[in-house]
Amino acid sequence: MDLPAKFHDLEGASVFITGGGSGIGASLTEGFLRQGAKVAFVQRSDANPFCDEMEDATGLRPLFIKCDVTDTKALQDAIKQSAEAHGPITVLVNNAANDQRHKTEEVDDQFWDWSVALNLKHYFFSAQAAIPYMKQAGGGSIINFSSISYMMGADGFPAYASSNAGITGLSRALAREFGPDKIRCNALMPGWVLTERQRELWANPQALEKHLDKQCLKEHLVPEDIVGGVLFLASNISRMLTGQALVIDGGVVVTG
């Protein structure tokens, strides 16, 4: 990854990322490491080979903590472990999500609860655990990954889209409540980012062509395209930006 900018205040920063070992999250972990940050992340699957790769590539090894983010106690314990290893957390990136396709008629209580727990609930409880460390440090930045899906009125995943709308509301509520503590909170809303999972499951030629027609910029997004926006929101260069939704989608939707 070749980053065109250096955010000097992120060097040595204590960063915690959910789902930081694959997809967009892996690019975020690498991006922060290349800024010289101390990165911890959670993921359900084994990410030790990825940590080896990052250490070879950047000279810094991220702290991997195996964790299912729907287990609130395990998630908050991981945040505590991160703070003990790297110092008070000043950047929290809630990235873990699952956009499993589903039909309204087929959703039952169990699936709904699972989807909301993964796509919304863990955002709240990770923030709850990280905020005391940010207060201790004198401020911080929370970056919550949402999606343009609910803004587009996209079908095929109503529970996921509902959670994404909730993330925007949660981000604004946290920004208002903790602004006096110099804690900022913003939502980041990617478009269709072609991770390995997306390519394997849904990115057929017809779907790709249809989506690209909606973009102003005629290139498909890849995980690295999201990193710059996250670094910007994490850095004090955006110190007066809070309660906002930053869209990175190649120009599909507009805000305002």
Protein backbone atom coordinates (compact mmCIF):
# COMPACT_ATOMS: atom_id res chain seq x y z
CA MET A 1 0.00 0.00 0.00
CA ASP A 2 1.44 3.33 -1.11
CA LEU A 3 -0.11 6.14 0.93
CA PRO A 4 0.29 9.63 -0.55
CA ALA A 5 -0.06 11.45 2.79
CA LYS A 6 1.40 11.28 6.29
CA PHE A 7 -0.68 12.17 9.33
CA HIS A 8 2.07 12.80 11.85
CA ASP A 9 -0.21 12.93 14.89
CA LEU A 10 -1.18 9.29 14.29
CA GLU A 11 2.37 8.09 14.94
CA GLY A 12 2.25 6.22 18.22
CA ALA A 13 -1.53 6.56 18.51
CA SER A 14 -3.42 3.71 20.17
CA VAL A 15 -5.90 2.41 17.60
CA PHE A 16 -8.54 -0.31 17.97
CA ILE A 17 -10.32 -1.80 14.94
CA THR A 18 -13.11 -4.36 14.82
CA GLY A 19 -12.75 -6.84 11.97
CA GLY A 20 -9.26 -5.58 11.24
CA GLY A 21 -7.77 -8.71 9.70
CA SER A 22 -9.64 -9.09 6.42
CA GLY A 23 -11.37 -7.07 3.71
CA ILE A 24 -11.55 -3.34 4.29
CA GLY A 25 -10.43 -3.88 7.89
CA ALA A 26 -7.11 -5.38 6.80
CA SER A 27 -6.40 -2.33 4.67
CA LEU A 28 -7.26 -0.09 7.62
CA THR A 29 -4.86 -1.98 9.87
CA GLU A 30 -2.09 -1.63 7.30
CA GLY A 31 -2.89 2.03 6.74
CA PHE A 32 -2.58 2.88 10.43
CA LEU A 33 0.58 0.80 10.79
CA ARG A 34 2.15 2.73 7.93
CA GLN A 35 1.38 5.90 9.87
CA GLY A 36 3.34 4.47 12.80
CA ALA A 37 0.27 3.82 14.96
CA LYS A 38 -0.05 1.05 17.52
CA VAL A 39 -2.90 -1.07 16.22
CA ALA A 40 -4.99 -3.71 17.94
CA PHE A 41 -7.84 -5.48 16.23
CA VAL A 42 -10.36 -8.21 16.83
CA GLN A 43 -11.55 -10.85 14.43
CA ARG A 44 -13.33 -14.17 14.80
CA SER A 45 -11.04 -16.09 12.46
CA ASP A 46 -7.29 -16.61 12.90
CA ALA A 47 -5.39 -13.53 11.72
CA ASN A 48 -1.88 -14.46 12.84
CA PRO A 49 -0.63 -15.01 9.25
CA PHE A 50 -1.89 -11.52 8.41
CA CYS A 51 -0.03 -10.12 11.44
CA ASP A 52 3.15 -11.81 10.21
CA GLU A 53 2.62 -10.22 6.80
CA MET A 54 2.08 -6.77 8.33
CA GLU A 55 5.18 -7.05 10.50
CA ASP A 56 7.27 -7.94 7.45
CA ALA A 57 5.77 -5.13 5.38
CA THR A 58 5.71 -2.30 7.94
CA GLY A 59 8.10 -3.27 10.73
CA LEU A 60 5.23 -3.07 13.20
CA ARG A 61 3.12 -5.96 14.42
CA PRO A 62 -0.54 -5.39 15.18
CA LEU A 63 -2.04 -6.92 18.29
CA PHE A 64 -4.58 -9.54 17.20
CA ILE A 65 -7.22 -10.61 19.73
CA LYS A 66 -9.50 -13.41 18.62
CA CYS A 67 -13.05 -12.35 19.40
CA ASP A 68 -16.63 -12.59 18.20
CA VAL A 69 -17.86 -8.99 18.35
CA THR A 70 -21.39 -10.16 19.19
CA ASP A 71 -19.98 -11.33 22.55
CA THR A 72 -20.12 -8.00 24.36
CA LYS A 73 -18.00 -9.06 27.34
CA ALA A 74 -15.28 -10.53 25.12
CA LEU A 75 -15.28 -7.39 22.96
CA GLN A 76 -14.98 -5.03 25.90
CA ASP A 77 -12.28 -7.24 27.46
CA ALA A 78 -10.36 -7.00 24.17
CA ILE A 79 -10.56 -3.21 24.28
CA LYS A 80 -9.18 -3.29 27.82
CA GLN A 81 -6.37 -5.58 26.68
CA SER A 82 -5.58 -3.20 23.82
CA ALA A 83 -5.37 -0.22 26.18
CA GLU A 84 -3.12 -2.14 28.57
CA ALA A 85 -0.77 -3.02 25.70
CA HIS A 86 -0.74 0.26 23.78
CA GLY A 87 -1.96 2.93 26.17
CA PRO A 88 -5.35 4.70 26.26
CA ILE A 89 -7.25 4.19 23.02
CA THR A 90 -7.62 7.43 21.05
CA VAL A 91 -8.97 5.98 17.79
CA LEU A 92 -11.79 3.44 17.58
CA VAL A 93 -12.84 2.11 14.18
CA ASN A 94 -16.01 0.03 14.20
CA ASN A 95 -15.68 -1.81 10.92
CA ALA A 96 -16.88 -5.40 11.43
CA ALA A 97 -20.14 -6.14 9.62
CA ASN A 98 -21.90 -8.76 7.54
CA ASP A 99 -24.10 -7.88 4.56
CA GLN A 100 -25.55 -11.36 4.16
CA ARG A 101 -28.39 -11.18 1.62
CA HIS A 102 -31.85 -12.02 2.95
CA LYS A 103 -35.52 -11.62 2.12
CA THR A 104 -37.97 -9.93 4.45
CA GLU A 105 -40.35 -12.91 4.33
CA GLU A 106 -37.59 -15.27 5.49
CA VAL A 107 -36.24 -13.26 8.45
CA ASP A 108 -36.98 -14.70 11.90
CA ASP A 109 -36.15 -13.45 15.39
CA GLN A 110 -32.85 -15.29 15.50
CA PHE A 111 -31.55 -13.89 12.22
CA TRP A 112 -32.70 -10.35 13.01
CA ASP A 113 -31.02 -10.39 16.41
CA TRP A 114 -27.81 -11.82 14.95
CA SER A 115 -27.69 -9.21 12.20
CA VAL A 116 -28.33 -6.27 14.52
CA ALA A 117 -25.84 -7.59 17.09
CA LEU A 118 -23.12 -7.79 14.45
CA ASN A 119 -23.97 -4.71 12.41
CA LEU A 120 -25.07 -2.23 15.09
CA LYS A 121 -25.04 -3.42 18.70
CA HIS A 122 -21.29 -4.02 18.91
CA TYR A 123 -20.67 -0.46 17.70
CA PHE A 124 -22.38 0.90 20.78
CA PHE A 125 -20.66 -1.37 23.26
CA SER A 126 -17.19 -0.95 21.81
CA ALA A 127 -17.66 2.81 22.03
CA GLN A 128 -18.90 2.45 25.59
CA ALA A 129 -15.70 0.62 26.51
CA ALA A 130 -13.33 2.91 24.58
CA ILE A 131 -14.73 6.28 25.67
CA PRO A 132 -13.26 6.20 29.20
CA TYR A 133 -9.79 5.74 27.68
CA MET A 134 -10.41 8.63 25.30
CA LYS A 135 -11.45 10.81 28.23
CA GLN A 136 -8.26 9.78 30.01
CA ALA A 137 -6.22 10.76 26.94
CA GLY A 138 -7.98 14.11 26.59
CA GLY A 139 -9.94 13.24 23.47
CA GLY A 140 -10.33 10.80 20.64
CA SER A 141 -12.04 9.84 17.41
CA ILE A 142 -14.70 7.18 16.85
CA ILE A 143 -15.28 6.13 13.24
CA ASN A 144 -18.35 3.99 12.62
CA PHE A 145 -18.65 2.21 9.29
CA SER A 146 -22.10 2.51 7.81
CA SER A 147 -23.01 2.11 4.12
CA ILE A 148 -24.73 3.96 1.31
CA SER A 149 -27.10 0.99 0.99
CA TYR A 150 -29.89 2.49 3.07
CA MET A 151 -29.50 5.89 1.36
CA MET A 152 -30.01 4.17 -1.99
CA GLY A 153 -33.02 2.25 -0.77
CA ALA A 154 -31.22 -0.92 -1.77
CA ASP A 155 -33.12 -4.17 -1.39
CA GLY A 156 -31.92 -7.65 -0.50
CA PHE A 157 -30.76 -7.01 3.09
CA PRO A 158 -33.37 -5.09 5.16
CA ALA A 159 -31.85 -5.99 8.55
CA TYR A 160 -28.42 -4.83 7.37
CA ALA A 161 -29.79 -1.62 5.88
CA SER A 162 -31.71 -0.90 9.09
CA SER A 163 -28.54 -1.31 11.11
CA ASN A 164 -26.66 1.05 8.81
CA ALA A 165 -29.30 3.71 9.28
CA GLY A 166 -29.01 3.16 13.04
CA ILE A 167 -25.23 3.63 12.87
CA THR A 168 -25.68 7.12 11.47
CA GLY A 169 -28.05 7.98 14.33
CA LEU A 170 -25.72 6.46 16.91
CA SER A 171 -22.76 8.42 15.55
CA ARG A 172 -24.62 11.71 15.85
CA ALA A 173 -25.81 10.89 19.36
CA LEU A 174 -22.29 10.02 20.56
CA ALA A 175 -20.88 13.13 18.88
CA ARG A 176 -23.33 15.30 20.80
CA GLU A 177 -22.90 13.55 24.14
CA PHE A 178 -19.11 13.38 24.20
CA GLY A 179 -18.13 16.47 22.27
CA PRO A 180 -17.45 18.32 25.55
CA ASP A 181 -14.82 15.64 26.24
CA LYS A 182 -13.13 16.36 22.88
CA ILE A 183 -14.31 13.01 21.57
CA ARG A 184 -15.44 13.12 17.95
CA CYS A 185 -17.69 10.56 16.29
CA ASN A 186 -18.40 10.26 12.59
CA ALA A 187 -19.92 7.71 10.26
CA LEU A 188 -18.04 6.58 7.18
CA MET A 189 -20.25 5.33 4.37
CA PRO A 190 -18.53 3.36 1.62
CA GLY A 191 -20.07 2.41 -1.66
CA TRP A 192 -19.58 -1.03 -3.16
CA VAL A 193 -16.03 -1.95 -2.24
CA LEU A 194 -14.75 -5.01 -4.06
CA THR A 195 -13.30 -7.09 -1.27
CA GLU A 196 -12.48 -10.73 -1.85
CA ARG A 197 -15.83 -11.67 -0.25
CA GLN A 198 -17.78 -9.37 -2.57
CA ARG A 199 -15.99 -10.71 -5.63
CA GLU A 200 -16.71 -14.31 -4.63
CA LEU A 201 -20.38 -13.89 -3.73
CA TRP A 202 -22.02 -11.04 -5.62
CA ALA A 203 -19.72 -9.19 -8.02
CA ASN A 204 -20.81 -10.74 -11.31
CA PRO A 205 -20.19 -8.78 -14.54
CA GLN A 206 -23.79 -7.65 -14.87
CA ALA A 207 -23.99 -6.33 -11.30
CA LEU A 208 -20.64 -4.58 -11.63
CA GLU A 209 -21.61 -2.87 -14.85
CA LYS A 210 -24.96 -1.75 -13.42
CA HIS A 211 -23.33 -0.26 -10.32
CA LEU A 212 -20.53 1.43 -12.24
CA ASP A 213 -23.15 3.22 -14.34
CA LYS A 214 -24.34 4.90 -11.12
CA GLN A 215 -20.88 6.20 -10.20
CA CYS A 216 -19.48 9.54 -11.34
CA LEU A 217 -15.96 8.10 -11.21
CA LYS A 218 -15.78 5.10 -13.50
CA GLU A 219 -13.55 2.86 -11.44
CA HIS A 220 -14.62 0.19 -8.99
CA LEU A 221 -13.72 0.83 -5.37
CA VAL A 222 -11.15 -1.38 -3.64
CA PRO A 223 -10.38 -1.51 0.10
CA GLU A 224 -7.39 0.83 -0.22
CA ASP A 225 -9.73 3.59 -1.44
CA ILE A 226 -11.34 3.78 2.00
CA VAL A 227 -8.14 4.13 4.02
CA GLY A 228 -7.48 7.82 3.38
CA GLY A 229 -10.89 8.88 4.61
CA VAL A 230 -10.49 6.91 7.83
CA LEU A 231 -7.02 8.33 8.49
CA PHE A 232 -8.40 11.83 7.91
CA LEU A 233 -11.22 11.27 10.41
CA ALA A 234 -8.79 9.75 12.92
CA SER A 235 -6.28 12.58 12.68
CA ASN A 236 -6.55 15.92 14.45
CA ILE A 237 -6.46 17.52 11.02
CA SER A 238 -10.24 16.95 11.15
CA ARG A 239 -10.48 18.11 14.78
CA MET A 240 -13.67 20.15 14.27
CA LEU A 241 -15.45 17.53 12.19
CA THR A 242 -17.94 15.47 14.18
CA GLY A 243 -21.46 14.11 13.88
CA GLN A 244 -21.06 13.81 10.11
CA ALA A 245 -21.40 11.10 7.47
CA LEU A 246 -18.48 10.90 5.05
CA VAL A 247 -19.40 9.11 1.84
CA ILE A 248 -16.72 7.38 -0.26
CA ASP A 249 -18.55 5.75 -3.13
CA GLY A 250 -17.21 7.14 -6.40
CA GLY A 251 -20.15 9.52 -6.63
CA VAL A 252 -23.29 7.40 -6.35
CA VAL A 253 -25.19 9.29 -3.65
CA VAL A 254 -25.00 12.86 -2.44
CA THR A 255 -25.42 14.28 1.06
CA GLY A 256 -26.73 17.64 2.14
